[in-house]
Amino acid sequence: MQSRQVVFYADLAELPQVISVIKDRVVPRYTDLAHFLGLTAIRAVIGDRVEVVVTSFWDDGLEGSEQAAAQFLDEIKERTGQIASLKRFETLYAQVRDSTGLFRLGVAASEE
């Protein structure tokens, strides 16, 4: 599993617009791509600003998603005036449990 992480800062008041961009534009755009699995968006409040970290997860590589990622970066700059950082990762281990306690996702990278 591959992941792409976008990190940027925004004013706290801009957060609803940022979340709207993610839900209404980024997710539908990514969902149309073959290997998209999902994403997380988290924040850390720092005074009247937030650091936002959006991590998208991809099965079998990131090929074909570069244009969608570039559009996301452009939309963040348009909404916040900030330039987001973009990094690519290989997921080494992930585990997610649902509210009933059942594990719904378990991923471990092959030991190469």
C-alpha atoms as a PDB file:
ATOM      1  CA  MET A   1       0.000   0.000   0.000  1.00  0.00           C
ATOM      2  CA  GLN A   2       1.249   3.468  -0.886  1.00  0.00           C
ATOM      3  CA  SER A   3       0.217   6.738   0.677  1.00  0.00           C
ATOM      4  CA  ARG A   4       0.524  10.372  -0.209  1.00  0.00           C
ATOM      5  CA  GLN A   5       0.621  13.007   2.519  1.00  0.00           C
ATOM      6  CA  VAL A   6      -0.298  16.650   2.043  1.00  0.00           C
ATOM      7  CA  VAL A   7       0.542  19.024   4.915  1.00  0.00           C
ATOM      8  CA  PHE A   8      -0.408  22.690   5.154  1.00  0.00           C
ATOM      9  CA  TYR A   9      -1.385  25.451   7.575  1.00  0.00           C
ATOM     10  CA  ALA A  10      -4.598  27.460   7.535  1.00  0.00           C
ATOM     11  CA  ASP A  11      -6.408  29.973   9.685  1.00  0.00           C
ATOM     12  CA  LEU A  12      -8.892  28.289  12.022  1.00  0.00           C
ATOM     13  CA  ALA A  13     -11.705  30.223  10.318  1.00  0.00           C
ATOM     14  CA  GLU A  14     -10.717  28.678   6.948  1.00  0.00           C
ATOM     15  CA  LEU A  15     -11.063  25.102   8.193  1.00  0.00           C
ATOM     16  CA  PRO A  16     -14.722  24.621   7.120  1.00  0.00           C
ATOM     17  CA  GLN A  17     -13.793  25.672   3.548  1.00  0.00           C
ATOM     18  CA  VAL A  18     -10.780  23.357   3.570  1.00  0.00           C
ATOM     19  CA  ILE A  19     -12.883  20.397   4.722  1.00  0.00           C
ATOM     20  CA  SER A  20     -15.428  21.232   2.030  1.00  0.00           C
ATOM     21  CA  VAL A  21     -12.691  21.119  -0.624  1.00  0.00           C
ATOM     22  CA  ILE A  22     -11.555  17.729   0.652  1.00  0.00           C
ATOM     23  CA  LYS A  23     -15.058  16.210   0.849  1.00  0.00           C
ATOM     24  CA  ASP A  24     -16.620  17.800  -2.232  1.00  0.00           C
ATOM     25  CA  ARG A  25     -13.689  17.920  -4.656  1.00  0.00           C
ATOM     26  CA  VAL A  26     -10.742  15.782  -3.609  1.00  0.00           C
ATOM     27  CA  VAL A  27     -12.569  12.633  -2.484  1.00  0.00           C
ATOM     28  CA  PRO A  28     -14.783  12.402  -5.613  1.00  0.00           C
ATOM     29  CA  ARG A  29     -11.753  13.032  -7.842  1.00  0.00           C
ATOM     30  CA  TYR A  30      -9.693  10.369  -6.055  1.00  0.00           C
ATOM     31  CA  THR A  31     -12.620   7.921  -5.958  1.00  0.00           C
ATOM     32  CA  ASP A  32     -12.627   7.917  -9.756  1.00  0.00           C
ATOM     33  CA  LEU A  33      -9.058   6.568  -9.741  1.00  0.00           C
ATOM     34  CA  ALA A  34      -8.518   2.816  -9.793  1.00  0.00           C
ATOM     35  CA  HIS A  35      -6.264   2.285  -6.779  1.00  0.00           C
ATOM     36  CA  PHE A  36      -7.708   4.785  -4.273  1.00  0.00           C
ATOM     37  CA  LEU A  37      -8.571   3.184  -0.912  1.00  0.00           C
ATOM     38  CA  GLY A  38      -9.467   6.173   1.265  1.00  0.00           C
ATOM     39  CA  LEU A  39      -8.013   9.083   3.191  1.00  0.00           C
ATOM     40  CA  THR A  40      -7.689  10.684   6.578  1.00  0.00           C
ATOM     41  CA  ALA A  41      -7.627  14.385   7.400  1.00  0.00           C
ATOM     42  CA  ILE A  42      -6.351  15.408  10.832  1.00  0.00           C
ATOM     43  CA  ARG A  43      -5.535  18.748  12.426  1.00  0.00           C
ATOM     44  CA  ALA A  44      -3.519  20.251  15.226  1.00  0.00           C
ATOM     45  CA  VAL A  45      -4.750  23.591  16.568  1.00  0.00           C
ATOM     46  CA  ILE A  46      -1.961  26.116  17.090  1.00  0.00           C
ATOM     47  CA  GLY A  47      -3.508  29.322  18.415  1.00  0.00           C
ATOM     48  CA  ASP A  48      -5.807  30.682  15.723  1.00  0.00           C
ATOM     49  CA  ARG A  49      -4.217  28.456  13.044  1.00  0.00           C
ATOM     50  CA  VAL A  50      -4.350  24.767  12.265  1.00  0.00           C
ATOM     51  CA  GLU A  51      -1.867  22.352  10.794  1.00  0.00           C
ATOM     52  CA  VAL A  52      -3.766  19.982   8.519  1.00  0.00           C
ATOM     53  CA  VAL A  53      -2.395  16.598   7.460  1.00  0.00           C
ATOM     54  CA  VAL A  54      -4.270  14.726   4.734  1.00  0.00           C
ATOM     55  CA  THR A  55      -3.089  11.203   3.981  1.00  0.00           C
ATOM     56  CA  SER A  56      -4.525   9.297   1.047  1.00  0.00           C
ATOM     57  CA  PHE A  57      -4.066   5.533   0.756  1.00  0.00           C
ATOM     58  CA  TRP A  58      -3.531   3.697  -2.508  1.00  0.00           C
ATOM     59  CA  ASP A  59      -3.408   0.022  -3.384  1.00  0.00           C
ATOM     60  CA  ASP A  60      -0.765  -0.991  -5.874  1.00  0.00           C
ATOM     61  CA  GLY A  61       0.921   2.376  -6.301  1.00  0.00           C
ATOM     62  CA  LEU A  62       0.155   6.000  -7.040  1.00  0.00           C
ATOM     63  CA  GLU A  63       0.308   5.863 -10.820  1.00  0.00           C
ATOM     64  CA  GLY A  64      -2.309   8.061 -12.435  1.00  0.00           C
ATOM     65  CA  SER A  65      -2.999  10.103  -9.301  1.00  0.00           C
ATOM     66  CA  GLU A  66      -0.393  12.819  -9.839  1.00  0.00           C
ATOM     67  CA  GLN A  67      -2.752  15.188 -11.650  1.00  0.00           C
ATOM     68  CA  ALA A  68      -5.413  14.838  -8.950  1.00  0.00           C
ATOM     69  CA  ALA A  69      -2.803  15.535  -6.254  1.00  0.00           C
ATOM     70  CA  ALA A  70      -1.590  18.621  -8.138  1.00  0.00           C
ATOM     71  CA  GLN A  71      -5.176  19.901  -8.333  1.00  0.00           C
ATOM     72  CA  PHE A  72      -5.532  19.387  -4.569  1.00  0.00           C
ATOM     73  CA  LEU A  73      -2.388  21.447  -3.924  1.00  0.00           C
ATOM     74  CA  ASP A  74      -3.709  24.208  -6.192  1.00  0.00           C
ATOM     75  CA  GLU A  75      -7.049  24.258  -4.345  1.00  0.00           C
ATOM     76  CA  ILE A  76      -5.312  24.516  -0.968  1.00  0.00           C
ATOM     77  CA  LYS A  77      -3.218  27.451  -2.209  1.00  0.00           C
ATOM     78  CA  GLU A  78      -6.372  29.114  -3.593  1.00  0.00           C
ATOM     79  CA  ARG A  79      -8.296  28.703  -0.295  1.00  0.00           C
ATOM     80  CA  THR A  80      -5.529  29.395   2.215  1.00  0.00           C
ATOM     81  CA  GLY A  81      -2.771  31.198   0.328  1.00  0.00           C
ATOM     82  CA  GLN A  82      -0.388  28.534   1.657  1.00  0.00           C
ATOM     83  CA  ILE A  83       1.831  26.166  -0.277  1.00  0.00           C
ATOM     84  CA  ALA A  84       1.282  22.609   0.926  1.00  0.00           C
ATOM     85  CA  SER A  85       4.035  20.025   1.159  1.00  0.00           C
ATOM     86  CA  LEU A  86       3.576  16.718  -0.615  1.00  0.00           C
ATOM     87  CA  LYS A  87       5.311  13.453   0.251  1.00  0.00           C
ATOM     88  CA  ARG A  88       4.958   9.892  -0.945  1.00  0.00           C
ATOM     89  CA  PHE A  89       5.207   6.960   1.477  1.00  0.00           C
ATOM     90  CA  GLU A  90       5.080   3.189   1.471  1.00  0.00           C
ATOM     91  CA  THR A  91       2.839   1.978   4.277  1.00  0.00           C
ATOM     92  CA  LEU A  92       4.799  -0.356   6.527  1.00  0.00           C
ATOM     93  CA  TYR A  93       1.966  -1.246   8.872  1.00  0.00           C
ATOM     94  CA  ALA A  94      -1.634  -0.156   9.415  1.00  0.00           C
ATOM     95  CA  GLN A  95      -4.441  -1.495  11.559  1.00  0.00           C
ATOM     96  CA  VAL A  96      -7.919  -0.055  12.034  1.00  0.00           C
ATOM     97  CA  ARG A  97     -10.666  -1.313  14.328  1.00  0.00           C
ATOM     98  CA  ASP A  98     -14.348  -0.375  13.977  1.00  0.00           C
ATOM     99  CA  SER A  99     -16.562   0.732  16.883  1.00  0.00           C
ATOM    100  CA  THR A 100     -17.558  -2.880  17.633  1.00  0.00           C
ATOM    101  CA  GLY A 101     -13.944  -3.904  18.100  1.00  0.00           C
ATOM    102  CA  LEU A 102     -13.548  -5.795  14.827  1.00  0.00           C
ATOM    103  CA  PHE A 103     -10.426  -5.145  12.806  1.00  0.00           C
ATOM    104  CA  ARG A 104     -11.463  -3.883   9.373  1.00  0.00           C
ATOM    105  CA  LEU A 105      -8.019  -3.154   8.002  1.00  0.00           C
ATOM    106  CA  GLY A 106      -4.708  -4.807   8.615  1.00  0.00           C
ATOM    107  CA  VAL A 107      -1.772  -4.142   6.335  1.00  0.00           C
ATOM    108  CA  ALA A 108       1.860  -5.062   6.684  1.00  0.00           C
ATOM    109  CA  ALA A 109       4.464  -4.392   4.019  1.00  0.00           C
ATOM    110  CA  SER A 110       6.354  -7.341   2.687  1.00  0.00           C
ATOM    111  CA  GLU A 111       9.800  -7.680   4.168  1.00  0.00           C
ATOM    112  CA  GLU A 112      12.055  -6.965   1.227  1.00  0.00           C
END
